[in-house]
Amino acid sequence: MYDFLISEYINRLSIDEIKNFAFKKGIELTDEETDIIYEYTKKHWRTFVHGNPRPILDELKTKVRPFTYNKIETLYIEARDRYLK
């Protein structure tokens, strides 16, 4: 049930929603970072929900600015602790 709801949300997710969410969390993304995060979200959401996202986070770390990466990792940990445990 949850997979279906998450999948439907991810399928409808827009680049503008990524940028707006980041801004609300204090992250000003470059256009390139927005595109990268959008692609990773669309492609790897199942791993973030059900698996070990460490290899994906390590790869992402090489593609975005350090501040952006640190905020992404912090937000992931907060969400994981709140919703996945």
Protein backbone atom coordinates (compact mmCIF):
# COMPACT_ATOMS: atom_id res chain seq x y z
CA MET A 1 0.00 0.00 0.00
CA TYR A 2 2.68 2.52 1.00
CA ASP A 3 4.81 1.63 -2.02
CA PHE A 4 1.90 2.42 -4.31
CA LEU A 5 1.28 5.80 -2.68
CA ILE A 6 4.95 6.72 -2.69
CA SER A 7 5.31 5.57 -6.30
CA GLU A 8 2.37 7.69 -7.39
CA TYR A 9 3.76 10.71 -5.59
CA ILE A 10 7.22 10.22 -7.12
CA ASN A 11 5.73 9.79 -10.60
CA ARG A 12 4.03 13.18 -10.26
CA LEU A 13 6.98 14.91 -8.62
CA SER A 14 8.24 17.95 -10.51
CA ILE A 15 11.57 19.74 -10.61
CA ASP A 16 9.88 22.83 -9.17
CA GLU A 17 8.71 20.79 -6.16
CA ILE A 18 12.30 19.68 -5.54
CA LYS A 19 13.53 23.26 -5.71
CA ASN A 20 10.71 24.59 -3.48
CA PHE A 21 11.18 21.87 -0.85
CA ALA A 22 14.92 22.53 -0.74
CA PHE A 23 14.35 26.27 -0.39
CA LYS A 24 11.95 25.69 2.53
CA LYS A 25 14.67 23.61 4.19
CA GLY A 26 17.29 26.34 3.72
CA ILE A 27 19.00 24.92 0.65
CA GLU A 28 19.47 27.05 -2.45
CA LEU A 29 20.07 24.55 -5.22
CA THR A 30 21.79 25.30 -8.49
CA ASP A 31 19.91 24.20 -11.60
CA GLU A 32 22.39 21.36 -12.02
CA GLU A 33 21.90 20.18 -8.43
CA THR A 34 18.15 20.35 -8.85
CA ASP A 35 18.35 18.14 -11.94
CA ILE A 36 20.67 15.67 -10.22
CA ILE A 37 18.49 15.39 -7.11
CA TYR A 38 15.37 15.03 -9.26
CA GLU A 39 16.98 12.18 -11.24
CA TYR A 40 18.23 10.41 -8.11
CA THR A 41 14.85 10.75 -6.41
CA LYS A 42 13.00 9.32 -9.39
CA LYS A 43 15.48 6.50 -9.92
CA HIS A 44 16.43 5.47 -6.38
CA TRP A 45 13.46 6.19 -4.09
CA ARG A 46 12.89 2.47 -3.41
CA THR A 47 16.45 2.08 -2.14
CA PHE A 48 16.00 5.04 0.19
CA VAL A 49 12.77 3.56 1.56
CA HIS A 50 13.65 -0.15 1.68
CA GLY A 51 17.38 -0.59 1.27
CA ASN A 52 20.78 0.78 2.09
CA PRO A 53 21.20 4.14 0.35
CA ARG A 54 24.82 4.64 1.47
CA PRO A 55 26.34 3.87 -1.98
CA ILE A 56 23.86 6.26 -3.59
CA LEU A 57 24.59 8.98 -1.04
CA ASP A 58 28.33 8.48 -1.57
CA GLU A 59 27.87 8.90 -5.31
CA LEU A 60 25.65 11.94 -4.82
CA LYS A 61 28.32 13.47 -2.58
CA THR A 62 30.61 13.76 -5.60
CA LYS A 63 27.97 15.53 -7.70
CA VAL A 64 26.68 18.33 -5.45
CA ARG A 65 28.28 21.01 -3.27
CA PRO A 66 29.33 19.94 0.24
CA PHE A 67 26.68 22.14 1.95
CA THR A 68 23.96 20.69 -0.27
CA TYR A 69 25.11 17.14 0.40
CA ASN A 70 25.24 17.66 4.16
CA LYS A 71 21.69 19.02 4.18
CA ILE A 72 20.46 16.13 2.01
CA GLU A 73 22.05 13.59 4.32
CA THR A 74 20.62 15.32 7.41
CA LEU A 75 17.13 15.43 5.88
CA TYR A 76 17.36 11.76 4.91
CA ILE A 77 18.38 10.74 8.43
CA GLU A 78 15.56 12.79 9.96
CA ALA A 79 13.00 11.27 7.58
CA ARG A 80 14.35 7.75 8.08
CA ASP A 81 14.18 8.08 11.85
CA ARG A 82 10.70 9.56 11.73
CA TYR A 83 9.01 7.38 9.11
CA LEU A 84 11.01 4.22 8.54
CA LYS A 85 11.77 2.95 12.02
